[in-house]
Amino acid sequence: MTAKQFQGTVLATVAGSWRRISLLVAGLLTLVVAQPGVARAADTVQFAGDASRGNGVAVPFEGFTDRRGGPVPIGGAVGVDLVLGSTARPYLPCQHYDPLARTGDTFVNACQERGSYTTYTRFPAGGGLVFPNGYFMGNAQPDRVRGGALPTGWGSRTAGLSFEFYPELRRDGDYVHSRFYIDRFAHRANGWAYSAAVGHIALTTLADPDTARLGGRMTVGGRAPAPGRAKVVIFGGAARSSTGYPISSFAVQTGSGAPTWISSPLYAGNQRITVTDTATHRSCVLDRYGVRGPNNVVDFDLAAPGFGHPDSVCTS
């Protein structure tokens, strides 16, 4: 794959079903996100900074490797969401963007993916570590629209950083999509406030130990749903980085019109499944515990109460 083809592949991934993944994360964790109009004032007034952080915050996260610690076997990207406010009541400044009005947060021009990730870093197959010196969120970011720098104060005001991995599109269904969250920056050094060391994360497939996959039938009263009607989002599983830092996984599947669904690989463990009927805007959340291995069947019927599961929790 050429560099240009790889860039187009990853951009297609962002433009597709993954673009709003962090909003889904916030929704599943029942986190409260402010509305854009309110948040614009809150971003500059309510979310006070910590001057003792100096230049900002840093995460000793190097990136991804193969299972033996060598160069990555595939290309991909890592999206990072900046959370202001608090972990319990977060505000994600880069999520607040109106593409029609081209307006959003006070510092939306500092967002690499306006309406989505704060930064989105691509890497090619066979490359070295993505962040060999760690990941840094400073108090000034490049103005990605007008050029120059924006004094955002984001580093001093960071409540948390969420890291999510995406394989290149053609290998999207083969690899675990890992994620982890950082919300403590207790160590001061070299003018920065550092989090716990994350080290690196080994890319994992379904053939590796301690992985899982879910799938099953997806119908509406026994018939296949129209393409795009059913959307399945899964968060869960448990694994560890090279330093032992806890990481988890996620998967998103949008129906193609077939009467079945299947997830990308996940880390084994407890899984939270959210199914959305995009035609009715109804969602149901279902928990499954101790999920392990490649053949875990969960069927859904969008026409049935609880989408076929009395133990699910649904929106009205």
Protein backbone atom coordinates (compact mmCIF):
# COMPACT_ATOMS: atom_id res chain seq x y z
CA MET A 1 0.00 0.00 0.00
CA THR A 2 1.43 3.40 -0.92
CA ALA A 3 1.57 6.27 1.57
CA LYS A 4 -1.17 8.06 -0.33
CA GLN A 5 -3.40 4.97 -0.33
CA PHE A 6 -2.79 4.50 3.39
CA GLN A 7 -3.70 8.10 4.12
CA GLY A 8 -6.92 7.74 2.15
CA THR A 9 -7.76 4.50 3.94
CA VAL A 10 -7.37 6.03 7.38
CA LEU A 11 -9.28 9.15 6.39
CA ALA A 12 -12.11 6.91 5.19
CA THR A 13 -12.10 5.24 8.58
CA VAL A 14 -12.45 8.59 10.32
CA ALA A 15 -15.22 9.75 7.99
CA GLY A 16 -17.19 6.56 8.49
CA SER A 17 -18.79 4.99 11.53
CA TRP A 18 -15.87 5.79 13.82
CA ARG A 19 -16.08 9.59 13.69
CA ARG A 20 -18.38 9.91 16.70
CA ILE A 21 -16.86 7.12 18.75
CA SER A 22 -15.93 9.35 21.69
CA LEU A 23 -19.45 10.72 21.97
CA LEU A 24 -20.57 7.12 22.24
CA VAL A 25 -18.01 6.55 24.97
CA ALA A 26 -19.36 9.52 26.88
CA GLY A 27 -22.93 8.32 26.45
CA LEU A 28 -22.20 4.78 27.59
CA LEU A 29 -20.45 5.99 30.72
CA THR A 30 -23.43 8.31 31.40
CA LEU A 31 -21.12 11.30 31.41
CA VAL A 32 -22.58 14.78 31.14
CA VAL A 33 -21.33 16.91 28.24
CA ALA A 34 -22.24 20.59 28.08
CA GLN A 35 -24.02 22.11 25.10
CA PRO A 36 -21.87 24.20 22.74
CA GLY A 37 -23.32 27.57 23.69
CA VAL A 38 -22.83 26.98 27.39
CA ALA A 39 -19.53 25.22 26.92
CA ARG A 40 -17.97 28.13 25.05
CA ALA A 41 -18.21 30.26 28.20
CA ALA A 42 -17.35 27.31 30.45
CA ASP A 43 -14.22 26.52 28.50
CA THR A 44 -12.74 29.93 29.14
CA VAL A 45 -14.13 30.64 32.61
CA GLN A 46 -15.19 27.59 34.64
CA PHE A 47 -12.39 25.17 33.77
CA ALA A 48 -9.56 26.78 35.69
CA GLY A 49 -6.00 25.69 35.08
CA ASP A 50 -3.27 24.36 37.36
CA ALA A 51 -0.24 26.63 37.11
CA SER A 52 1.97 24.02 38.80
CA ARG A 53 1.79 21.88 35.64
CA GLY A 54 4.18 24.21 33.87
CA ASN A 55 4.14 23.52 30.14
CA GLY A 56 1.19 21.12 30.39
CA VAL A 57 0.62 17.39 30.84
CA ALA A 58 2.45 14.39 29.44
CA VAL A 59 1.67 10.68 29.11
CA PRO A 60 4.61 8.23 28.90
CA PHE A 61 2.87 6.25 26.16
CA GLU A 62 5.15 5.20 23.31
CA GLY A 63 2.66 3.67 20.90
CA PHE A 64 2.14 0.18 19.46
CA THR A 65 4.27 -2.86 18.67
CA ASP A 66 3.77 -6.39 17.42
CA ARG A 67 3.37 -9.20 19.98
CA ARG A 68 7.15 -9.54 20.36
CA GLY A 69 7.75 -5.83 20.88
CA GLY A 70 8.89 -5.26 17.29
CA PRO A 71 7.65 -2.83 14.61
CA VAL A 72 3.90 -2.71 13.99
CA PRO A 73 2.74 -5.24 11.35
CA ILE A 74 -0.02 -2.96 10.04
CA GLY A 75 -0.70 0.73 9.63
CA GLY A 76 -3.21 2.56 11.79
CA ALA A 77 -3.91 5.63 13.85
CA VAL A 78 -4.44 6.73 17.42
CA GLY A 79 -7.11 9.28 18.27
CA VAL A 80 -6.86 11.24 21.50
CA ASP A 81 -9.77 13.03 23.13
CA LEU A 82 -9.12 15.90 25.52
CA VAL A 83 -11.49 16.09 28.49
CA LEU A 84 -11.91 19.33 30.44
CA GLY A 85 -13.99 19.83 33.58
CA SER A 86 -13.75 16.48 35.37
CA THR A 87 -13.97 12.79 34.60
CA ALA A 88 -17.40 12.72 36.28
CA ARG A 89 -18.68 15.81 34.44
CA PRO A 90 -16.55 16.10 31.31
CA TYR A 91 -16.52 18.63 28.54
CA LEU A 92 -14.87 17.58 25.27
CA PRO A 93 -13.99 20.81 23.44
CA CYS A 94 -13.25 19.20 20.08
CA GLN A 95 -16.61 17.40 19.98
CA HIS A 96 -18.47 20.72 19.91
CA TYR A 97 -18.44 21.74 16.28
CA ASP A 98 -21.24 22.62 13.86
CA PRO A 99 -19.98 21.75 10.35
CA LEU A 100 -22.72 23.84 8.70
CA ALA A 101 -22.09 27.00 10.68
CA ARG A 102 -18.39 26.12 11.07
CA THR A 103 -18.53 27.22 14.68
CA GLY A 104 -17.81 25.48 17.95
CA ASP A 105 -15.66 25.76 21.02
CA THR A 106 -13.53 28.84 21.57
CA PHE A 107 -10.42 26.89 20.55
CA VAL A 108 -11.95 24.52 18.00
CA ASN A 109 -9.30 25.57 15.45
CA ALA A 110 -6.76 23.72 17.60
CA CYS A 111 -8.61 20.43 17.06
CA GLN A 112 -7.04 18.18 14.47
CA GLU A 113 -10.44 16.54 13.81
CA ARG A 114 -13.07 19.21 14.47
CA GLY A 115 -16.19 17.49 15.77
CA SER A 116 -14.13 14.48 16.84
CA TYR A 117 -10.59 13.91 18.16
CA THR A 118 -8.27 16.56 19.55
CA THR A 119 -5.35 14.84 17.81
CA TYR A 120 -5.37 11.99 15.28
CA THR A 121 -1.95 10.51 14.60
CA ARG A 122 -1.42 8.10 11.70
CA PHE A 123 1.40 5.61 11.41
CA PRO A 124 2.51 3.20 8.62
CA ALA A 125 3.13 -0.53 8.77
CA GLY A 126 6.66 -1.45 9.77
CA GLY A 127 7.27 1.87 11.50
CA GLY A 128 8.71 2.53 14.93
CA LEU A 129 6.95 3.83 18.01
CA VAL A 130 4.39 6.57 17.39
CA PHE A 131 5.37 8.65 20.44
CA PRO A 132 8.93 7.55 21.33
CA ASN A 133 9.23 10.38 23.87
CA GLY A 134 5.63 10.21 25.10
CA TYR A 135 2.45 12.15 24.30
CA PHE A 136 2.28 15.84 25.30
CA MET A 137 -0.69 18.17 25.70
CA GLY A 138 0.71 21.68 26.01
CA ASN A 139 -0.85 25.01 26.85
CA ALA A 140 -0.59 26.18 23.24
CA GLN A 141 -1.56 24.27 20.09
CA PRO A 142 -1.15 24.97 16.38
CA ASP A 143 -4.03 26.90 14.83
CA ARG A 144 -4.94 24.38 12.14
CA VAL A 145 -7.07 26.89 10.23
CA ARG A 146 -5.22 30.20 10.31
CA GLY A 147 -1.71 29.08 11.18
CA GLY A 148 0.37 30.19 14.13
CA ALA A 149 -0.39 29.12 17.69
CA LEU A 150 -3.43 29.27 19.97
CA PRO A 151 -2.89 29.82 23.72
CA THR A 152 -5.56 27.31 24.78
CA GLY A 153 -4.29 26.55 28.27
CA TRP A 154 -5.40 22.98 27.61
CA GLY A 155 -2.39 21.41 29.32
CA SER A 156 -3.03 23.20 32.59
CA ARG A 157 -6.76 22.43 32.38
CA THR A 158 -6.72 18.78 31.28
CA ALA A 159 -9.02 16.56 33.35
CA GLY A 160 -8.33 13.48 31.26
CA LEU A 161 -7.05 12.09 27.97
CA SER A 162 -8.67 9.16 26.17
CA PHE A 163 -6.54 7.17 23.70
CA GLU A 164 -8.18 4.95 21.06
CA PHE A 165 -6.47 2.77 18.43
CA TYR A 166 -7.75 2.18 14.87
CA PRO A 167 -6.25 -0.35 12.45
CA GLU A 168 -6.03 0.59 8.79
CA LEU A 169 -9.40 0.01 7.15
CA ARG A 170 -8.59 -3.23 5.31
CA ARG A 171 -7.46 -4.84 8.61
CA ASP A 172 -10.13 -3.20 10.76
CA GLY A 173 -11.91 -6.48 11.50
CA ASP A 174 -8.71 -8.38 12.32
CA TYR A 175 -7.28 -6.45 15.27
CA VAL A 176 -8.45 -5.47 18.73
CA HIS A 177 -9.25 -1.74 18.97
CA SER A 178 -7.59 -0.84 22.26
CA ARG A 179 -8.33 2.17 24.43
CA PHE A 180 -7.24 3.62 27.76
CA TYR A 181 -7.97 6.69 29.86
CA ILE A 182 -5.62 8.89 31.88
CA ASP A 183 -6.87 11.35 34.52
CA ARG A 184 -4.01 11.68 37.00
CA PHE A 185 -0.88 13.73 36.36
CA ALA A 186 0.95 13.60 39.69
CA HIS A 187 4.64 13.58 38.74
CA ARG A 188 6.37 16.88 37.90
CA ALA A 189 9.51 16.78 35.79
CA ASN A 190 11.19 18.90 33.12
CA GLY A 191 8.43 21.52 33.22
CA TRP A 192 5.60 19.01 32.67
CA ALA A 193 3.09 17.08 34.79
CA TYR A 194 3.37 13.37 33.97
CA SER A 195 0.86 10.55 34.30
CA ALA A 196 1.64 6.95 35.19
CA ALA A 197 3.80 5.20 32.59
CA VAL A 198 1.79 3.35 29.95
CA GLY A 199 4.71 2.12 27.87
CA HIS A 200 3.55 0.43 24.68
CA ILE A 201 0.60 -1.73 23.62
CA ALA A 202 1.02 -4.93 21.59
CA LEU A 203 -1.37 -5.19 18.65
CA THR A 204 -3.62 -8.20 19.15
CA THR A 205 -5.72 -10.42 16.88
CA LEU A 206 -8.37 -13.02 17.57
CA ALA A 207 -5.68 -15.71 17.26
CA ASP A 208 -3.97 -14.37 20.38
CA PRO A 209 -4.83 -15.50 23.93
CA ASP A 210 -7.40 -13.67 26.08
CA THR A 211 -9.45 -12.29 23.22
CA ALA A 212 -13.14 -12.52 22.34
CA ARG A 213 -15.66 -11.80 19.61
CA LEU A 214 -19.43 -11.38 19.64
CA GLY A 215 -21.99 -11.81 16.88
CA GLY A 216 -25.34 -13.29 16.02
CA ARG A 217 -28.60 -12.59 14.22
CA MET A 218 -29.89 -9.04 13.69
CA THR A 219 -33.50 -8.87 12.49
CA VAL A 220 -36.66 -6.77 12.58
CA GLY A 221 -39.55 -9.11 13.21
CA GLY A 222 -37.62 -11.90 11.54
CA ARG A 223 -36.50 -9.87 8.52
CA ALA A 224 -33.12 -8.35 7.76
CA PRO A 225 -32.91 -4.65 8.69
CA ALA A 226 -32.21 -2.10 5.98
CA PRO A 227 -28.53 -1.17 5.51
CA GLY A 228 -27.42 1.22 8.23
CA ARG A 229 -30.47 0.71 10.43
CA ALA A 230 -28.77 -1.35 13.14
CA LYS A 231 -25.66 -0.05 14.90
CA VAL A 232 -23.82 -2.06 17.54
CA VAL A 233 -21.22 -0.50 19.87
CA ILE A 234 -19.27 -2.59 22.38
CA PHE A 235 -16.96 -1.48 25.17
CA GLY A 236 -15.21 -3.79 27.59
CA GLY A 237 -12.61 -6.46 28.05
CA ALA A 238 -9.43 -6.11 30.05
CA ALA A 239 -5.74 -6.26 29.23
CA ARG A 240 -2.49 -4.58 30.26
CA SER A 241 0.11 -2.46 28.53
CA SER A 242 3.83 -3.24 28.69
CA THR A 243 4.04 -1.49 32.09
CA GLY A 244 0.90 -3.13 33.44
CA TYR A 245 -1.37 -0.14 32.90
CA PRO A 246 -5.02 -1.29 32.44
CA ILE A 247 -6.43 -1.05 28.92
CA SER A 248 -9.76 -2.08 27.40
CA SER A 249 -11.27 -2.46 23.93
CA PHE A 250 -14.15 -1.27 21.76
CA ALA A 251 -15.90 -2.27 18.56
CA VAL A 252 -18.47 -0.63 16.29
CA GLN A 253 -20.53 -2.43 13.64
CA THR A 254 -23.09 -0.81 11.35
CA GLY A 255 -25.52 -3.16 9.61
CA SER A 256 -24.95 -3.86 5.92
CA GLY A 257 -28.47 -5.17 5.30
CA ALA A 258 -27.60 -8.75 6.25
CA PRO A 259 -29.62 -10.49 9.01
CA THR A 260 -26.43 -10.99 11.03
CA TRP A 261 -23.83 -8.93 12.87
CA ILE A 262 -20.29 -9.62 14.06
CA SER A 263 -17.81 -7.53 16.04
CA SER A 264 -14.13 -6.97 15.51
CA PRO A 265 -11.92 -8.75 18.09
CA LEU A 266 -12.09 -7.60 21.70
CA TYR A 267 -10.10 -8.27 24.83
CA ALA A 268 -11.73 -11.05 26.83
CA GLY A 269 -13.84 -10.03 29.81
CA ASN A 270 -17.05 -8.20 30.62
CA GLN A 271 -18.65 -6.43 27.65
CA ARG A 272 -21.29 -3.70 27.41
CA ILE A 273 -23.26 -3.89 24.15
CA THR A 274 -25.33 -0.95 22.94
CA VAL A 275 -27.65 -1.53 19.99
CA THR A 276 -29.30 1.45 18.28
CA ASP A 277 -32.18 1.33 15.81
CA THR A 278 -31.38 4.38 13.69
CA ALA A 279 -34.91 4.37 12.22
CA THR A 280 -36.62 4.78 15.61
CA HIS A 281 -33.65 6.24 17.53
CA ARG A 282 -34.24 3.67 20.26
CA SER A 283 -31.24 2.12 22.01
CA CYS A 284 -30.83 -0.84 24.33
CA VAL A 285 -27.82 -1.62 26.54
CA LEU A 286 -26.98 -5.22 27.39
CA ASP A 287 -24.18 -6.47 29.63
CA ARG A 288 -22.45 -9.80 29.10
CA TYR A 289 -19.90 -11.11 31.60
CA GLY A 290 -16.75 -13.18 31.23
CA VAL A 291 -16.91 -13.19 27.44
CA ARG A 292 -14.08 -15.22 25.95
CA GLY A 293 -13.25 -16.87 22.64
CA PRO A 294 -14.46 -16.28 19.05
CA ASN A 295 -17.96 -17.78 19.09
CA ASN A 296 -20.17 -15.81 21.47
CA VAL A 297 -23.72 -15.55 20.08
CA VAL A 298 -26.06 -12.69 20.99
CA ASP A 299 -29.15 -12.30 18.77
CA PHE A 300 -31.21 -9.12 18.48
CA ASP A 301 -34.69 -8.38 17.10
CA LEU A 302 -35.29 -4.64 16.74
CA ALA A 303 -39.06 -5.24 16.75
CA ALA A 304 -39.07 -7.06 20.10
CA PRO A 305 -39.19 -5.53 23.61
CA GLY A 306 -35.64 -4.98 24.80
CA PHE A 307 -34.55 -5.96 21.29
CA GLY A 308 -35.17 -9.53 22.40
CA HIS A 309 -33.47 -9.28 25.81
CA PRO A 310 -35.60 -8.65 28.94
CA ASP A 311 -32.43 -7.87 30.91
CA SER A 312 -31.44 -4.96 28.66
CA VAL A 313 -31.95 -1.31 29.59
CA CYS A 314 -33.57 0.71 26.81
CA THR A 315 -34.45 4.29 25.98
CA SER A 316 -38.17 4.92 25.55
